[in-house]
Amino acid sequence: MTKFTDILSDTKDAANNIQETCNYRNVLMRISLCLTRWNLGQMTHLVKIKDKLINNLRQLSR
């Protein structure tokens, strides 16, 4: 079980390392941005594949 003094010392450490905390948050933000961009890239790639399939099916049904 966490003691109140542990929470206080953790808070003090965080306050002492506020610059590192900010840098860490910036890195996390950059990583999540990259992941979002990658997901969007994957989505557009999948949409292109879907469009090709639909076009092929249309040509076959003619």
PDB file of N, CA and C in Angstrom:
ATOM      1  N   MET A   1       0.843  -1.187   0.000  1.00  0.00           N
ATOM      2  CA  MET A   1       0.000   0.000   0.000  1.00  0.00           C
ATOM      3  C   MET A   1       0.888   1.251   0.000  1.00  0.00           C
ATOM      4  N   THR A   2       0.533   2.231  -0.784  1.00  0.00           N
ATOM      5  CA  THR A   2       1.335   3.449  -0.911  1.00  0.00           C
ATOM      6  C   THR A   2       1.151   4.329   0.317  1.00  0.00           C
ATOM      7  N   LYS A   3       2.293   4.791   0.846  1.00  0.00           N
ATOM      8  CA  LYS A   3       2.236   5.689   2.006  1.00  0.00           C
ATOM      9  C   LYS A   3       2.173   7.132   1.525  1.00  0.00           C
ATOM     10  N   PHE A   4       1.610   7.980   2.373  1.00  0.00           N
ATOM     11  CA  PHE A   4       1.494   9.403   2.036  1.00  0.00           C
ATOM     12  C   PHE A   4       2.873  10.019   1.816  1.00  0.00           C
ATOM     13  N   THR A   5       3.867   9.596   2.621  1.00  0.00           N
ATOM     14  CA  THR A   5       5.224  10.141   2.473  1.00  0.00           C
ATOM     15  C   THR A   5       5.823   9.754   1.132  1.00  0.00           C
ATOM     16  N   ASP A   6       5.469   8.561   0.637  1.00  0.00           N
ATOM     17  CA  ASP A   6       5.953   8.145  -0.686  1.00  0.00           C
ATOM     18  C   ASP A   6       5.389   9.056  -1.771  1.00  0.00           C
ATOM     19  N   ILE A   7       4.097   9.354  -1.639  1.00  0.00           N
ATOM     20  CA  ILE A   7       3.459  10.244  -2.615  1.00  0.00           C
ATOM     21  C   ILE A   7       4.118  11.614  -2.580  1.00  0.00           C
ATOM     22  N   LEU A   8       4.410  12.110  -1.361  1.00  0.00           N
ATOM     23  CA  LEU A   8       5.064  13.413  -1.225  1.00  0.00           C
ATOM     24  C   LEU A   8       6.441  13.405  -1.873  1.00  0.00           C
ATOM     25  N   SER A   9       7.220  12.358  -1.629  1.00  0.00           N
ATOM     26  CA  SER A   9       8.573  12.321  -2.200  1.00  0.00           C
ATOM     27  C   SER A   9       8.512  12.169  -3.721  1.00  0.00           C
ATOM     28  N   ASP A  10       7.532  11.400  -4.219  1.00  0.00           N
ATOM     29  CA  ASP A  10       7.363  11.280  -5.667  1.00  0.00           C
ATOM     30  C   ASP A  10       7.011  12.633  -6.274  1.00  0.00           C
ATOM     31  N   THR A  11       6.127  13.367  -5.590  1.00  0.00           N
ATOM     32  CA  THR A  11       5.720  14.683  -6.078  1.00  0.00           C
ATOM     33  C   THR A  11       6.907  15.630  -6.083  1.00  0.00           C
ATOM     34  N   LYS A  12       7.733  15.548  -5.036  1.00  0.00           N
ATOM     35  CA  LYS A  12       8.924  16.393  -4.941  1.00  0.00           C
ATOM     36  C   LYS A  12       9.898  16.058  -6.076  1.00  0.00           C
ATOM     37  N   ASP A  13      10.081  14.755  -6.330  1.00  0.00           N
ATOM     38  CA  ASP A  13      10.966  14.337  -7.428  1.00  0.00           C
ATOM     39  C   ASP A  13      10.449  14.874  -8.759  1.00  0.00           C
ATOM     40  N   ALA A  14       9.149  14.782  -8.953  1.00  0.00           N
ATOM     41  CA  ALA A  14       8.553  15.258 -10.199  1.00  0.00           C
ATOM     42  C   ALA A  14       8.759  16.762 -10.343  1.00  0.00           C
ATOM     43  N   ALA A  15       8.628  17.485  -9.231  1.00  0.00           N
ATOM     44  CA  ALA A  15       8.828  18.935  -9.266  1.00  0.00           C
ATOM     45  C   ALA A  15      10.288  19.267  -9.572  1.00  0.00           C
ATOM     46  N   ASN A  16      11.209  18.466  -9.012  1.00  0.00           N
ATOM     47  CA  ASN A  16      12.635  18.695  -9.277  1.00  0.00           C
ATOM     48  C   ASN A  16      12.989  18.381 -10.721  1.00  0.00           C
ATOM     49  N   ASN A  17      12.293  17.429 -11.301  1.00  0.00           N
ATOM     50  CA  ASN A  17      12.600  16.997 -12.670  1.00  0.00           C
ATOM     51  C   ASN A  17      11.558  17.490 -13.670  1.00  0.00           C
ATOM     52  N   ILE A  18      11.013  18.672 -13.402  1.00  0.00           N
ATOM     53  CA  ILE A  18       9.915  19.168 -14.240  1.00  0.00           C
ATOM     54  C   ILE A  18      10.347  19.306 -15.691  1.00  0.00           C
ATOM     55  N   GLN A  19      11.605  19.678 -15.929  1.00  0.00           N
ATOM     56  CA  GLN A  19      12.095  19.820 -17.300  1.00  0.00           C
ATOM     57  C   GLN A  19      12.098  18.468 -18.001  1.00  0.00           C
ATOM     58  N   GLU A  20      12.565  17.430 -17.304  1.00  0.00           N
ATOM     59  CA  GLU A  20      12.566  16.093 -17.884  1.00  0.00           C
ATOM     60  C   GLU A  20      11.148  15.627 -18.163  1.00  0.00           C
ATOM     61  N   THR A  21      10.241  15.961 -17.235  1.00  0.00           N
ATOM     62  CA  THR A  21       8.837  15.570 -17.410  1.00  0.00           C
ATOM     63  C   THR A  21       8.275  16.210 -18.663  1.00  0.00           C
ATOM     64  N   CYS A  22       8.580  17.487 -18.879  1.00  0.00           N
ATOM     65  CA  CYS A  22       8.091  18.183 -20.070  1.00  0.00           C
ATOM     66  C   CYS A  22       8.660  17.541 -21.330  1.00  0.00           C
ATOM     67  N   ASN A  23       9.957  17.225 -21.311  1.00  0.00           N
ATOM     68  CA  ASN A  23      10.579  16.592 -22.467  1.00  0.00           C
ATOM     69  C   ASN A  23       9.946  15.238 -22.756  1.00  0.00           C
ATOM     70  N   TYR A  24       9.674  14.495 -21.693  1.00  0.00           N
ATOM     71  CA  TYR A  24       9.065  13.178 -21.828  1.00  0.00           C
ATOM     72  C   TYR A  24       7.688  13.290 -22.462  1.00  0.00           C
ATOM     73  N   ARG A  25       6.919  14.271 -22.016  1.00  0.00           N
ATOM     74  CA  ARG A  25       5.586  14.484 -22.586  1.00  0.00           C
ATOM     75  C   ARG A  25       5.681  14.883 -24.051  1.00  0.00           C
ATOM     76  N   ASN A  26       6.673  15.714 -24.403  1.00  0.00           N
ATOM     77  CA  ASN A  26       6.860  16.098 -25.804  1.00  0.00           C
ATOM     78  C   ASN A  26       7.171  14.887 -26.666  1.00  0.00           C
ATOM     79  N   VAL A  27       8.017  14.005 -26.152  1.00  0.00           N
ATOM     80  CA  VAL A  27       8.374  12.798 -26.894  1.00  0.00           C
ATOM     81  C   VAL A  27       7.138  11.922 -27.104  1.00  0.00           C
ATOM     82  N   LEU A  28       6.328  11.772 -26.035  1.00  0.00           N
ATOM     83  CA  LEU A  28       5.098  10.985 -26.153  1.00  0.00           C
ATOM     84  C   LEU A  28       4.164  11.583 -27.193  1.00  0.00           C
ATOM     85  N   MET A  29       4.051  12.910 -27.196  1.00  0.00           N
ATOM     86  CA  MET A  29       3.187  13.582 -28.162  1.00  0.00           C
ATOM     87  C   MET A  29       3.681  13.319 -29.586  1.00  0.00           C
ATOM     88  N   ARG A  30       5.009  13.397 -29.780  1.00  0.00           N
ATOM     89  CA  ARG A  30       5.572  13.160 -31.114  1.00  0.00           C
ATOM     90  C   ARG A  30       5.316  11.728 -31.565  1.00  0.00           C
ATOM     91  N   ILE A  31       5.482  10.785 -30.642  1.00  0.00           N
ATOM     92  CA  ILE A  31       5.254   9.381 -30.983  1.00  0.00           C
ATOM     93  C   ILE A  31       3.801   9.168 -31.385  1.00  0.00           C
ATOM     94  N   SER A  32       2.874   9.743 -30.605  1.00  0.00           N
ATOM     95  CA  SER A  32       1.454   9.544 -30.930  1.00  0.00           C
ATOM     96  C   SER A  32       1.098  10.204 -32.259  1.00  0.00           C
ATOM     97  N   LEU A  33       1.730  11.354 -32.555  1.00  0.00           N
ATOM     98  CA  LEU A  33       1.505  12.013 -33.844  1.00  0.00           C
ATOM     99  C   LEU A  33       1.977  11.127 -34.987  1.00  0.00           C
ATOM    100  N   CYS A  34       3.161  10.539 -34.829  1.00  0.00           N
ATOM    101  CA  CYS A  34       3.700   9.656 -35.867  1.00  0.00           C
ATOM    102  C   CYS A  34       2.787   8.462 -36.076  1.00  0.00           C
ATOM    103  N   LEU A  35       2.301   7.888 -34.973  1.00  0.00           N
ATOM    104  CA  LEU A  35       1.392   6.739 -35.081  1.00  0.00           C
ATOM    105  C   LEU A  35       0.109   7.125 -35.792  1.00  0.00           C
ATOM    106  N   THR A  36      -0.410   8.321 -35.483  1.00  0.00           N
ATOM    107  CA  THR A  36      -1.633   8.781 -36.131  1.00  0.00           C
ATOM    108  C   THR A  36      -1.396   8.941 -37.626  1.00  0.00           C
ATOM    109  N   ARG A  37      -0.257   9.547 -37.992  1.00  0.00           N
ATOM    110  CA  ARG A  37       0.066   9.721 -39.408  1.00  0.00           C
ATOM    111  C   ARG A  37       0.213   8.372 -40.094  1.00  0.00           C
ATOM    112  N   TRP A  38       0.860   7.423 -39.413  1.00  0.00           N
ATOM    113  CA  TRP A  38       1.052   6.097 -39.984  1.00  0.00           C
ATOM    114  C   TRP A  38      -0.293   5.426 -40.210  1.00  0.00           C
ATOM    115  N   ASN A  39      -1.202   5.542 -39.232  1.00  0.00           N
ATOM    116  CA  ASN A  39      -2.531   4.951 -39.371  1.00  0.00           C
ATOM    117  C   ASN A  39      -3.283   5.572 -40.541  1.00  0.00           C
ATOM    118  N   LEU A  40      -3.173   6.905 -40.688  1.00  0.00           N
ATOM    119  CA  LEU A  40      -3.838   7.576 -41.800  1.00  0.00           C
ATOM    120  C   LEU A  40      -3.249   7.099 -43.119  1.00  0.00           C
ATOM    121  N   GLY A  41      -1.930   6.918 -43.155  1.00  0.00           N
ATOM    122  CA  GLY A  41      -1.271   6.406 -44.357  1.00  0.00           C
ATOM    123  C   GLY A  41      -1.769   5.016 -44.699  1.00  0.00           C
ATOM    124  N   GLN A  42      -1.909   4.172 -43.686  1.00  0.00           N
ATOM    125  CA  GLN A  42      -2.420   2.826 -43.892  1.00  0.00           C
ATOM    126  C   GLN A  42      -3.841   2.881 -44.422  1.00  0.00           C
ATOM    127  N   MET A  43      -4.642   3.785 -43.867  1.00  0.00           N
ATOM    128  CA  MET A  43      -6.038   3.904 -44.282  1.00  0.00           C
ATOM    129  C   MET A  43      -6.119   4.272 -45.761  1.00  0.00           C
ATOM    130  N   THR A  44      -5.332   5.262 -46.189  1.00  0.00           N
ATOM    131  CA  THR A  44      -5.395   5.678 -47.594  1.00  0.00           C
ATOM    132  C   THR A  44      -4.911   4.545 -48.494  1.00  0.00           C
ATOM    133  N   HIS A  45      -3.926   3.783 -48.024  1.00  0.00           N
ATOM    134  CA  HIS A  45      -3.434   2.640 -48.791  1.00  0.00           C
ATOM    135  C   HIS A  45      -4.546   1.605 -48.958  1.00  0.00           C
ATOM    136  N   LEU A  46      -5.259   1.326 -47.869  1.00  0.00           N
ATOM    137  CA  LEU A  46      -6.364   0.356 -47.917  1.00  0.00           C
ATOM    138  C   LEU A  46      -7.489   0.846 -48.825  1.00  0.00           C
ATOM    139  N   VAL A  47      -7.755   2.157 -48.776  1.00  0.00           N
ATOM    140  CA  VAL A  47      -8.807   2.716 -49.631  1.00  0.00           C
ATOM    141  C   VAL A  47      -8.431   2.535 -51.099  1.00  0.00           C
ATOM    142  N   LYS A  48      -7.146   2.741 -51.432  1.00  0.00           N
ATOM    143  CA  LYS A  48      -6.702   2.553 -52.817  1.00  0.00           C
ATOM    144  C   LYS A  48      -6.902   1.106 -53.254  1.00  0.00           C
ATOM    145  N   ILE A  49      -6.560   0.167 -52.381  1.00  0.00           N
ATOM    146  CA  ILE A  49      -6.741  -1.251 -52.694  1.00  0.00           C
ATOM    147  C   ILE A  49      -8.221  -1.556 -52.904  1.00  0.00           C
ATOM    148  N   LYS A  50      -9.064  -1.030 -52.023  1.00  0.00           N
ATOM    149  CA  LYS A  50     -10.519  -1.235 -52.130  1.00  0.00           C
ATOM    150  C   LYS A  50     -11.038  -0.695 -53.461  1.00  0.00           C
ATOM    151  N   ASP A  51     -10.580   0.513 -53.839  1.00  0.00           N
ATOM    152  CA  ASP A  51     -11.011   1.110 -55.103  1.00  0.00           C
ATOM    153  C   ASP A  51     -10.600   0.240 -56.284  1.00  0.00           C
ATOM    154  N   LYS A  52      -9.375  -0.298 -56.244  1.00  0.00           N
ATOM    155  CA  LYS A  52      -8.910  -1.168 -57.325  1.00  0.00           C
ATOM    156  C   LYS A  52      -9.782  -2.411 -57.425  1.00  0.00           C
ATOM    157  N   LEU A  53     -10.109  -2.996 -56.271  1.00  0.00           N
ATOM    158  CA  LEU A  53     -10.961  -4.190 -56.271  1.00  0.00           C
ATOM    159  C   LEU A  53     -12.326  -3.896 -56.864  1.00  0.00           C
ATOM    160  N   ILE A  54     -12.909  -2.761 -56.460  1.00  0.00           N
ATOM    161  CA  ILE A  54     -14.233  -2.391 -56.973  1.00  0.00           C
ATOM    162  C   ILE A  54     -14.176  -2.185 -58.480  1.00  0.00           C
ATOM    163  N   ASN A  55     -13.130  -1.522 -58.962  1.00  0.00           N
ATOM    164  CA  ASN A  55     -12.985  -1.301 -60.402  1.00  0.00           C
ATOM    165  C   ASN A  55     -12.845  -2.621 -61.148  1.00  0.00           C
ATOM    166  N   ASN A  56     -12.060  -3.540 -60.588  1.00  0.00           N
ATOM    167  CA  ASN A  56     -11.892  -4.847 -61.220  1.00  0.00           C
ATOM    168  C   ASN A  56     -13.211  -5.604 -61.289  1.00  0.00           C
ATOM    169  N   LEU A  57     -13.976  -5.538 -60.204  1.00  0.00           N
ATOM    170  CA  LEU A  57     -15.276  -6.216 -60.183  1.00  0.00           C
ATOM    171  C   LEU A  57     -16.222  -5.609 -61.220  1.00  0.00           C
ATOM    172  N   ARG A  58     -16.200  -4.293 -61.354  1.00  0.00           N
ATOM    173  CA  ARG A  58     -17.055  -3.621 -62.338  1.00  0.00           C
ATOM    174  C   ARG A  58     -16.702  -4.074 -63.746  1.00  0.00           C
ATOM    175  N   GLN A  59     -15.387  -4.163 -64.031  1.00  0.00           N
ATOM    176  CA  GLN A  59     -14.953  -4.590 -65.359  1.00  0.00           C
ATOM    177  C   GLN A  59     -15.359  -6.034 -65.621  1.00  0.00           C
ATOM    178  N   LEU A  60     -15.271  -6.875 -64.609  1.00  0.00           N
ATOM    179  CA  LEU A  60     -15.642  -8.277 -64.773  1.00  0.00           C
ATOM    180  C   LEU A  60     -17.143  -8.438 -65.014  1.00  0.00           C
ATOM    181  N   SER A  61     -17.939  -7.567 -64.408  1.00  0.00           N
ATOM    182  CA  SER A  61     -19.394  -7.714 -64.523  1.00  0.00           C
ATOM    183  C   SER A  61     -19.922  -7.186 -65.853  1.00  0.00           C
ATOM    184  N   ARG A  62     -19.082  -6.537 -66.623  1.00  0.00           N
ATOM    185  CA  ARG A  62     -19.535  -5.999 -67.922  1.00  0.00           C
ATOM    186  C   ARG A  62     -19.670  -7.107 -68.939  1.00  0.00           C
TER     187      ARG A  62
END
